[in-house]
Structure formats: C-alpha cells, structure tokens
Amino acid sequence: MLKTCSFDTLLDEADRAIQREPIIHAENEALRSVVESTRANIAAAFAQHKRVSARLRPAYVTIHID
C-alpha cells in the first residue's frame, strides 16, 4: 500500500500494521521504535510542504520523503 497522508495518519497506519502481524514482540517493539523515531522528520517534511509516503509491509515500514 502506498499512500500520501498526514503524519498522524501514517503513524496510526503503522501501529495498525504492527498490531495485525503475528511477529514476535521484540520485532513489534523495534518497528514501533523506528516509526516513533521518525515523527519529527515527518512533521518537518510536512512543515516544508514535502510529500511523505509510506509503504506498509508485514514486517517493516518504508517512509519516503521527497
């Protein structure tokens, strides 16, 4: 899934993906940590009117800031 959205929506989508996947707790927490650590970068990108998109996959989230 590739979409452009607000950073809050992006983080909500990532949280839902984390909760859906039957991967071990440590991997879930590592993924959540990565998602949360990008919050400032995503907010800054929106402040600069850049496009932010995310590709959510079962075990990872790829975030693109153009």
PDB file of N, CA and C in Angstrom:
ATOM      1  N   MET A   1       0.854  -1.154   0.000  1.00  0.00           N
ATOM      2  CA  MET A   1       0.000   0.000   0.000  1.00  0.00           C
ATOM      3  C   MET A   1       0.908   1.228   0.000  1.00  0.00           C
ATOM      4  N   LEU A   2       0.683   2.126  -0.910  1.00  0.00           N
ATOM      5  CA  LEU A   2       1.446   3.367  -0.978  1.00  0.00           C
ATOM      6  C   LEU A   2       0.452   4.503  -0.894  1.00  0.00           C
ATOM      7  N   LYS A   3       0.662   5.416   0.045  1.00  0.00           N
ATOM      8  CA  LYS A   3      -0.291   6.499   0.206  1.00  0.00           C
ATOM      9  C   LYS A   3       0.423   7.745   0.687  1.00  0.00           C
ATOM     10  N   THR A   4      -0.212   8.878   0.451  1.00  0.00           N
ATOM     11  CA  THR A   4       0.259  10.147   0.977  1.00  0.00           C
ATOM     12  C   THR A   4      -0.781  10.606   1.985  1.00  0.00           C
ATOM     13  N   CYS A   5      -0.338  10.982   3.185  1.00  0.00           N
ATOM     14  CA  CYS A   5      -1.280  11.299   4.245  1.00  0.00           C
ATOM     15  C   CYS A   5      -0.600  12.164   5.297  1.00  0.00           C
ATOM     16  N   SER A   6      -1.378  12.572   6.295  1.00  0.00           N
ATOM     17  CA  SER A   6      -0.794  13.326   7.403  1.00  0.00           C
ATOM     18  C   SER A   6       0.120  12.407   8.207  1.00  0.00           C
ATOM     19  N   PHE A   7       1.060  12.981   8.938  1.00  0.00           N
ATOM     20  CA  PHE A   7       1.976  12.120   9.686  1.00  0.00           C
ATOM     21  C   PHE A   7       1.268  11.379  10.808  1.00  0.00           C
ATOM     22  N   ASP A   8       0.214  11.949  11.383  1.00  0.00           N
ATOM     23  CA  ASP A   8      -0.546  11.221  12.400  1.00  0.00           C
ATOM     24  C   ASP A   8      -1.216   9.995  11.790  1.00  0.00           C
ATOM     25  N   THR A   9      -1.784  10.166  10.603  1.00  0.00           N
ATOM     26  CA  THR A   9      -2.404   9.038   9.910  1.00  0.00           C
ATOM     27  C   THR A   9      -1.363   7.982   9.576  1.00  0.00           C
ATOM     28  N   LEU A  10      -0.197   8.421   9.138  1.00  0.00           N
ATOM     29  CA  LEU A  10       0.887   7.493   8.820  1.00  0.00           C
ATOM     30  C   LEU A  10       1.253   6.654  10.040  1.00  0.00           C
ATOM     31  N   LEU A  11       1.408   7.295  11.187  1.00  0.00           N
ATOM     32  CA  LEU A  11       1.764   6.560  12.398  1.00  0.00           C
ATOM     33  C   LEU A  11       0.631   5.645  12.841  1.00  0.00           C
ATOM     34  N   ASP A  12      -0.614   6.081  12.680  1.00  0.00           N
ATOM     35  CA  ASP A  12      -1.753   5.224  13.003  1.00  0.00           C
ATOM     36  C   ASP A  12      -1.760   3.983  12.121  1.00  0.00           C
ATOM     37  N   GLU A  13      -1.493   4.161  10.836  1.00  0.00           N
ATOM     38  CA  GLU A  13      -1.442   3.025   9.902  1.00  0.00           C
ATOM     39  C   GLU A  13      -0.331   2.063  10.304  1.00  0.00           C
ATOM     40  N   ALA A  14       0.813   2.606  10.662  1.00  0.00           N
ATOM     41  CA  ALA A  14       1.933   1.758  11.071  1.00  0.00           C
ATOM     42  C   ALA A  14       1.583   0.989  12.343  1.00  0.00           C
ATOM     43  N   ASP A  15       0.935   1.645  13.303  1.00  0.00           N
ATOM     44  CA  ASP A  15       0.521   0.962  14.528  1.00  0.00           C
ATOM     45  C   ASP A  15      -0.450  -0.171  14.224  1.00  0.00           C
ATOM     46  N   ARG A  16      -1.383   0.064  13.310  1.00  0.00           N
ATOM     47  CA  ARG A  16      -2.331  -0.999  12.936  1.00  0.00           C
ATOM     48  C   ARG A  16      -1.596  -2.166  12.280  1.00  0.00           C
ATOM     49  N   ALA A  17      -0.625  -1.862  11.439  1.00  0.00           N
ATOM     50  CA  ALA A  17       0.146  -2.926  10.790  1.00  0.00           C
ATOM     51  C   ALA A  17       0.913  -3.737  11.831  1.00  0.00           C
ATOM     52  N   ILE A  18       1.473  -3.055  12.815  1.00  0.00           N
ATOM     53  CA  ILE A  18       2.210  -3.735  13.882  1.00  0.00           C
ATOM     54  C   ILE A  18       1.274  -4.671  14.645  1.00  0.00           C
ATOM     55  N   GLN A  19       0.082  -4.200  14.972  1.00  0.00           N
ATOM     56  CA  GLN A  19      -0.859  -4.997  15.755  1.00  0.00           C
ATOM     57  C   GLN A  19      -1.398  -6.191  14.977  1.00  0.00           C
ATOM     58  N   ARG A  20      -1.504  -6.077  13.655  1.00  0.00           N
ATOM     59  CA  ARG A  20      -2.057  -7.156  12.821  1.00  0.00           C
ATOM     60  C   ARG A  20      -1.092  -8.310  12.638  1.00  0.00           C
ATOM     61  N   GLU A  21       0.196  -8.033  12.684  1.00  0.00           N
ATOM     62  CA  GLU A  21       1.164  -9.040  12.275  1.00  0.00           C
ATOM     63  C   GLU A  21       1.557  -9.990  13.400  1.00  0.00           C
ATOM     64  N   PRO A  22       1.569 -11.292  13.105  1.00  0.00           N
ATOM     65  CA  PRO A  22       1.947 -12.285  14.116  1.00  0.00           C
ATOM     66  C   PRO A  22       3.469 -12.455  14.191  1.00  0.00           C
ATOM     67  N   ILE A  23       4.168 -11.351  14.453  1.00  0.00           N
ATOM     68  CA  ILE A  23       5.619 -11.436  14.599  1.00  0.00           C
ATOM     69  C   ILE A  23       5.952 -11.254  16.066  1.00  0.00           C
ATOM     70  N   ILE A  24       7.129 -11.685  16.469  1.00  0.00           N
ATOM     71  CA  ILE A  24       7.436 -11.699  17.900  1.00  0.00           C
ATOM     72  C   ILE A  24       7.448 -10.294  18.492  1.00  0.00           C
ATOM     73  N   HIS A  25       7.206 -10.226  19.786  1.00  0.00           N
ATOM     74  CA  HIS A  25       7.063  -8.948  20.490  1.00  0.00           C
ATOM     75  C   HIS A  25       8.273  -8.040  20.280  1.00  0.00           C
ATOM     76  N   ALA A  26       9.467  -8.576  20.349  1.00  0.00           N
ATOM     77  CA  ALA A  26      10.675  -7.750  20.204  1.00  0.00           C
ATOM     78  C   ALA A  26      10.703  -7.074  18.839  1.00  0.00           C
ATOM     79  N   GLU A  27      10.294  -7.786  17.798  1.00  0.00           N
ATOM     80  CA  GLU A  27      10.260  -7.192  16.464  1.00  0.00           C
ATOM     81  C   GLU A  27       9.191  -6.112  16.393  1.00  0.00           C
ATOM     82  N   ASN A  28       8.040  -6.354  17.006  1.00  0.00           N
ATOM     83  CA  ASN A  28       6.994  -5.332  17.047  1.00  0.00           C
ATOM     84  C   ASN A  28       7.501  -4.067  17.722  1.00  0.00           C
ATOM     85  N   GLU A  29       8.164  -4.227  18.848  1.00  0.00           N
ATOM     86  CA  GLU A  29       8.660  -3.069  19.587  1.00  0.00           C
ATOM     87  C   GLU A  29       9.755  -2.348  18.810  1.00  0.00           C
ATOM     88  N   ALA A  30      10.602  -3.092  18.117  1.00  0.00           N
ATOM     89  CA  ALA A  30      11.637  -2.458  17.296  1.00  0.00           C
ATOM     90  C   ALA A  30      10.997  -1.651  16.177  1.00  0.00           C
ATOM     91  N   LEU A  31       9.975  -2.205  15.549  1.00  0.00           N
ATOM     92  CA  LEU A  31       9.274  -1.497  14.480  1.00  0.00           C
ATOM     93  C   LEU A  31       8.589  -0.253  15.029  1.00  0.00           C
ATOM     94  N   ARG A  32       7.939  -0.382  16.162  1.00  0.00           N
ATOM     95  CA  ARG A  32       7.271   0.766  16.770  1.00  0.00           C
ATOM     96  C   ARG A  32       8.296   1.856  17.094  1.00  0.00           C
ATOM     97  N   SER A  33       9.455   1.453  17.578  1.00  0.00           N
ATOM     98  CA  SER A  33      10.511   2.414  17.904  1.00  0.00           C
ATOM     99  C   SER A  33      10.973   3.166  16.663  1.00  0.00           C
ATOM    100  N   VAL A  34      11.135   2.450  15.564  1.00  0.00           N
ATOM    101  CA  VAL A  34      11.550   3.090  14.310  1.00  0.00           C
ATOM    102  C   VAL A  34      10.485   4.073  13.841  1.00  0.00           C
ATOM    103  N   VAL A  35       9.237   3.653  13.884  1.00  0.00           N
ATOM    104  CA  VAL A  35       8.147   4.532  13.458  1.00  0.00           C
ATOM    105  C   VAL A  35       8.105   5.787  14.325  1.00  0.00           C
ATOM    106  N   GLU A  36       8.179   5.610  15.630  1.00  0.00           N
ATOM    107  CA  GLU A  36       8.118   6.761  16.532  1.00  0.00           C
ATOM    108  C   GLU A  36       9.321   7.682  16.350  1.00  0.00           C
ATOM    109  N   SER A  37      10.481   7.123  16.059  1.00  0.00           N
ATOM    110  CA  SER A  37      11.680   7.957  15.917  1.00  0.00           C
ATOM    111  C   SER A  37      11.640   8.816  14.656  1.00  0.00           C
ATOM    112  N   THR A  38      10.743   8.498  13.737  1.00  0.00           N
ATOM    113  CA  THR A  38      10.641   9.302  12.510  1.00  0.00           C
ATOM    114  C   THR A  38       9.628  10.436  12.637  1.00  0.00           C
ATOM    115  N   ARG A  39       8.927  10.519  13.765  1.00  0.00           N
ATOM    116  CA  ARG A  39       7.856  11.508  13.918  1.00  0.00           C
ATOM    117  C   ARG A  39       8.338  12.927  13.612  1.00  0.00           C
ATOM    118  N   ALA A  40       9.476  13.325  14.155  1.00  0.00           N
ATOM    119  CA  ALA A  40       9.984  14.684  13.936  1.00  0.00           C
ATOM    120  C   ALA A  40      10.332  14.914  12.470  1.00  0.00           C
ATOM    121  N   ASN A  41      10.931  13.924  11.823  1.00  0.00           N
ATOM    122  CA  ASN A  41      11.279  14.068  10.407  1.00  0.00           C
ATOM    123  C   ASN A  41      10.033  14.218   9.544  1.00  0.00           C
ATOM    124  N   ILE A  42       9.005  13.448   9.839  1.00  0.00           N
ATOM    125  CA  ILE A  42       7.770  13.528   9.067  1.00  0.00           C
ATOM    126  C   ILE A  42       7.103  14.882   9.287  1.00  0.00           C
ATOM    127  N   ALA A  43       7.058  15.327  10.546  1.00  0.00           N
ATOM    128  CA  ALA A  43       6.456  16.625  10.850  1.00  0.00           C
ATOM    129  C   ALA A  43       7.207  17.745  10.142  1.00  0.00           C
ATOM    130  N   ALA A  44       8.526  17.671  10.138  1.00  0.00           N
ATOM    131  CA  ALA A  44       9.337  18.692   9.464  1.00  0.00           C
ATOM    132  C   ALA A  44       9.082  18.680   7.962  1.00  0.00           C
ATOM    133  N   ALA A  45       8.939  17.495   7.387  1.00  0.00           N
ATOM    134  CA  ALA A  45       8.678  17.390   5.951  1.00  0.00           C
ATOM    135  C   ALA A  45       7.340  18.039   5.606  1.00  0.00           C
ATOM    136  N   PHE A  46       6.313  17.783   6.423  1.00  0.00           N
ATOM    137  CA  PHE A  46       5.021  18.413   6.176  1.00  0.00           C
ATOM    138  C   PHE A  46       5.115  19.922   6.333  1.00  0.00           C
ATOM    139  N   ALA A  47       5.882  20.380   7.315  1.00  0.00           N
ATOM    140  CA  ALA A  47       6.036  21.821   7.524  1.00  0.00           C
ATOM    141  C   ALA A  47       6.683  22.486   6.313  1.00  0.00           C
ATOM    142  N   GLN A  48       7.509  21.725   5.609  1.00  0.00           N
ATOM    143  CA  GLN A  48       8.182  22.239   4.411  1.00  0.00           C
ATOM    144  C   GLN A  48       7.396  21.902   3.143  1.00  0.00           C
ATOM    145  N   HIS A  49       6.177  21.408   3.307  1.00  0.00           N
ATOM    146  CA  HIS A  49       5.286  21.077   2.184  1.00  0.00           C
ATOM    147  C   HIS A  49       5.897  20.031   1.254  1.00  0.00           C
ATOM    148  N   LYS A  50       6.621  19.093   1.833  1.00  0.00           N
ATOM    149  CA  LYS A  50       7.157  17.986   1.047  1.00  0.00           C
ATOM    150  C   LYS A  50       6.134  16.858   1.035  1.00  0.00           C
ATOM    151  N   ARG A  51       6.296  15.959   0.081  1.00  0.00           N
ATOM    152  CA  ARG A  51       5.396  14.806   0.010  1.00  0.00           C
ATOM    153  C   ARG A  51       5.975  13.680   0.860  1.00  0.00           C
ATOM    154  N   VAL A  52       5.156  13.096   1.695  1.00  0.00           N
ATOM    155  CA  VAL A  52       5.579  11.982   2.536  1.00  0.00           C
ATOM    156  C   VAL A  52       4.696  10.790   2.195  1.00  0.00           C
ATOM    157  N   SER A  53       5.307   9.674   1.891  1.00  0.00           N
ATOM    158  CA  SER A  53       4.527   8.476   1.613  1.00  0.00           C
ATOM    159  C   SER A  53       5.127   7.314   2.385  1.00  0.00           C
ATOM    160  N   ALA A  54       4.310   6.313   2.624  1.00  0.00           N
ATOM    161  CA  ALA A  54       4.775   5.155   3.378  1.00  0.00           C
ATOM    162  C   ALA A  54       4.298   3.884   2.706  1.00  0.00           C
ATOM    163  N   ARG A  55       5.157   2.905   2.709  1.00  0.00           N
ATOM    164  CA  ARG A  55       4.790   1.583   2.217  1.00  0.00           C
ATOM    165  C   ARG A  55       4.791   0.661   3.431  1.00  0.00           C
ATOM    166  N   LEU A  56       3.618   0.156   3.773  1.00  0.00           N
ATOM    167  CA  LEU A  56       3.484  -0.720   4.924  1.00  0.00           C
ATOM    168  C   LEU A  56       3.509  -2.161   4.454  1.00  0.00           C
ATOM    169  N   ARG A  57       4.403  -2.919   5.017  1.00  0.00           N
ATOM    170  CA  ARG A  57       4.532  -4.341   4.700  1.00  0.00           C
ATOM    171  C   ARG A  57       4.410  -5.125   6.006  1.00  0.00           C
ATOM    172  N   PRO A  58       4.295  -6.437   5.930  1.00  0.00           N
ATOM    173  CA  PRO A  58       4.099  -7.203   7.161  1.00  0.00           C
ATOM    174  C   PRO A  58       5.143  -6.949   8.256  1.00  0.00           C
ATOM    175  N   ALA A  59       6.393  -6.826   7.911  1.00  0.00           N
ATOM    176  CA  ALA A  59       7.413  -6.713   8.959  1.00  0.00           C
ATOM    177  C   ALA A  59       8.173  -5.399   8.940  1.00  0.00           C
ATOM    178  N   TYR A  60       7.787  -4.466   8.090  1.00  0.00           N
ATOM    179  CA  TYR A  60       8.523  -3.201   8.077  1.00  0.00           C
ATOM    180  C   TYR A  60       7.700  -2.081   7.468  1.00  0.00           C
ATOM    181  N   VAL A  61       8.135  -0.869   7.720  1.00  0.00           N
ATOM    182  CA  VAL A  61       7.513   0.322   7.147  1.00  0.00           C
ATOM    183  C   VAL A  61       8.601   1.092   6.429  1.00  0.00           C
ATOM    184  N   THR A  62       8.376   1.425   5.170  1.00  0.00           N
ATOM    185  CA  THR A  62       9.316   2.261   4.432  1.00  0.00           C
ATOM    186  C   THR A  62       8.683   3.629   4.271  1.00  0.00           C
ATOM    187  N   ILE A  63       9.388   4.659   4.706  1.00  0.00           N
ATOM    188  CA  ILE A  63       8.872   6.021   4.617  1.00  0.00           C
ATOM    189  C   ILE A  63       9.722   6.799   3.634  1.00  0.00           C
ATOM    190  N   HIS A  64       9.062   7.428   2.660  1.00  0.00           N
ATOM    191  CA  HIS A  64       9.755   8.236   1.659  1.00  0.00           C
ATOM    192  C   HIS A  64       9.400   9.697   1.879  1.00  0.00           C
ATOM    193  N   ILE A  65      10.414  10.544   1.927  1.00  0.00           N
ATOM    194  CA  ILE A  65      10.188  11.986   1.999  1.00  0.00           C
ATOM    195  C   ILE A  65      10.840  12.596   0.775  1.00  0.00           C
ATOM    196  N   ASP A  66      10.019  13.175  -0.117  1.00  0.00           N
ATOM    197  CA  ASP A  66      10.521  13.767  -1.357  1.00  0.00           C
ATOM    198  C   ASP A  66      10.641  15.264  -1.214  1.00  0.00           C
TER     199      ASP A  66
END
